[in-house]
């Protein structure tokens, strides 16, 4: 028998656990799709090795091996927003951290001014 919470406005612990599991699964699936999509976008420059999306905290972590770089570069988008314009959605990153100081400076200077149109599958996730 399923027991309902005694306080209607407050979710039960199993409901919170279920919601957390659903979000984690959704983020994992979105991360795999983003990995495939990102590799198509940057194929000329290198390979994306890993993508981790956390939609709850609005963060995104990427590890990529760019041509000419001896080791992978880790980039973390510490805050992103999704913007809508007509029937399209865009993602704009506001804060970055990176394992390469020169790239972190470049991202800090130019990244917040850029927005990327989200493919249809991503627009539903973010």
Protein backbone atom coordinates (compact mmCIF):
# COMPACT_ATOMS: atom_id res chain seq x y z
CA UNK A 1 0.00 0.00 0.00
CA UNK A 2 1.32 3.45 -0.92
CA UNK A 3 1.23 5.90 1.93
CA UNK A 4 0.50 9.51 1.06
CA UNK A 5 2.18 12.40 2.81
CA UNK A 6 0.27 13.91 5.69
CA UNK A 7 1.17 17.44 4.54
CA UNK A 8 -0.12 17.91 0.96
CA UNK A 9 2.17 20.83 0.12
CA UNK A 10 5.29 18.89 1.14
CA UNK A 11 6.44 16.02 -1.07
CA UNK A 12 7.27 12.67 0.49
CA UNK A 13 10.85 11.45 0.52
CA UNK A 14 10.09 8.77 -2.08
CA UNK A 15 8.63 11.44 -4.38
CA UNK A 16 11.79 13.52 -4.00
CA UNK A 17 13.95 10.47 -4.64
CA UNK A 18 11.94 9.59 -7.74
CA UNK A 19 12.19 13.16 -9.03
CA UNK A 20 15.95 13.19 -8.39
CA UNK A 21 16.39 9.86 -10.20
CA UNK A 22 14.31 11.08 -13.14
CA UNK A 23 16.39 14.28 -13.45
CA UNK A 24 19.64 12.32 -13.23
CA UNK A 25 18.48 9.93 -15.96
CA UNK A 26 17.29 12.81 -18.14
CA UNK A 27 20.63 14.61 -17.72
CA UNK A 28 22.58 11.42 -18.52
CA UNK A 29 20.61 10.85 -21.73
CA UNK A 30 20.96 14.53 -22.69
CA UNK A 31 24.70 14.37 -21.98
CA UNK A 32 25.12 11.43 -24.39
CA UNK A 33 23.14 13.21 -27.10
CA UNK A 34 25.12 16.41 -26.48
CA UNK A 35 28.38 14.47 -26.86
CA UNK A 36 27.35 13.25 -30.31
CA UNK A 37 26.11 16.70 -31.36
CA UNK A 38 29.21 18.51 -30.01
CA UNK A 39 31.53 16.14 -31.84
CA UNK A 40 29.83 17.04 -35.12
CA UNK A 41 30.18 20.75 -34.33
CA UNK A 42 33.89 20.68 -33.42
CA UNK A 43 35.08 17.82 -35.66
CA UNK A 44 37.45 20.18 -37.47
CA UNK A 45 39.15 21.19 -34.19
CA UNK A 46 39.24 18.00 -32.16
CA UNK A 47 37.13 15.49 -30.25
CA UNK A 48 34.76 15.94 -27.32
CA UNK A 49 35.47 13.10 -24.91
CA UNK A 50 32.81 13.71 -22.28
CA UNK A 51 29.81 15.95 -21.60
CA UNK A 52 28.01 16.17 -18.26
CA UNK A 53 24.85 18.22 -17.94
CA UNK A 54 23.29 19.11 -14.59
CA UNK A 55 20.03 20.84 -15.47
CA UNK A 56 19.12 21.43 -11.83
CA UNK A 57 22.25 23.47 -11.05
CA UNK A 58 22.46 24.88 -14.62
CA UNK A 59 26.01 23.60 -15.15
CA UNK A 60 27.67 21.80 -18.02
CA UNK A 61 31.10 20.14 -18.04
CA UNK A 62 32.98 19.26 -21.21
CA UNK A 63 36.26 17.44 -21.74
CA UNK A 64 37.78 17.71 -25.18
CA UNK A 65 41.04 16.93 -26.91
CA UNK A 66 41.78 19.66 -29.42
CA UNK A 67 44.28 19.30 -32.24
CA UNK A 68 47.74 20.39 -31.15
CA UNK A 69 46.96 20.03 -27.44
CA UNK A 70 48.89 17.31 -25.63
CA UNK A 71 46.21 16.65 -23.01
CA UNK A 72 42.43 17.07 -22.80
CA UNK A 73 40.94 20.44 -21.90
CA UNK A 74 38.21 20.59 -19.26
CA UNK A 75 35.68 23.39 -19.54
CA UNK A 76 32.92 24.01 -17.03
CA UNK A 77 30.01 26.28 -17.71
CA UNK A 78 29.08 27.31 -14.21
CA UNK A 79 25.88 29.06 -15.16
CA UNK A 80 23.79 29.02 -18.30
CA UNK A 81 20.46 30.44 -19.35
CA UNK A 82 18.08 29.28 -22.04
CA UNK A 83 16.58 32.04 -24.16
CA UNK A 84 13.60 31.75 -26.47
CA UNK A 85 13.15 33.68 -29.68
CA UNK A 86 10.13 32.89 -31.79
CA UNK A 87 10.06 29.10 -32.07
CA UNK A 88 13.77 28.61 -31.35
CA UNK A 89 15.72 28.17 -28.13
CA UNK A 90 19.27 29.26 -27.47
CA UNK A 91 21.74 28.60 -24.68
CA UNK A 92 23.99 31.35 -23.35
CA UNK A 93 26.76 30.66 -20.86
CA UNK A 94 27.51 33.33 -18.28
CA UNK A 95 30.43 31.96 -16.29
CA UNK A 96 33.24 29.63 -17.30
CA UNK A 97 36.18 27.84 -15.78
CA UNK A 98 38.80 26.03 -17.81
CA UNK A 99 42.03 24.09 -17.39
CA UNK A 100 43.82 26.38 -19.88
CA UNK A 101 44.26 29.96 -18.61
CA UNK A 102 44.36 31.44 -22.11
CA UNK A 103 41.10 29.71 -23.05
CA UNK A 104 39.44 30.71 -19.79
CA UNK A 105 40.27 34.36 -20.54
CA UNK A 106 38.97 34.00 -24.10
CA UNK A 107 35.74 32.42 -22.86
CA UNK A 108 35.31 35.09 -20.16
CA UNK A 109 35.79 37.88 -22.71
CA UNK A 110 33.68 36.52 -25.55
CA UNK A 111 31.59 33.62 -24.27
CA UNK A 112 28.78 35.55 -22.56
CA UNK A 113 28.14 37.47 -25.79
CA UNK A 114 27.60 34.28 -27.75
CA UNK A 115 24.56 32.10 -27.84
CA UNK A 116 24.15 28.72 -29.45
CA UNK A 117 20.93 27.60 -31.07
CA UNK A 118 19.77 24.40 -29.44
CA UNK A 119 18.77 21.46 -31.59
CA UNK A 120 15.17 20.31 -31.13
CA UNK A 121 16.07 17.43 -28.76
CA UNK A 122 18.06 19.80 -26.51
CA UNK A 123 15.38 22.48 -26.43
CA UNK A 124 13.10 19.99 -24.69
CA UNK A 125 15.77 19.07 -22.10
CA UNK A 126 17.05 22.48 -21.02
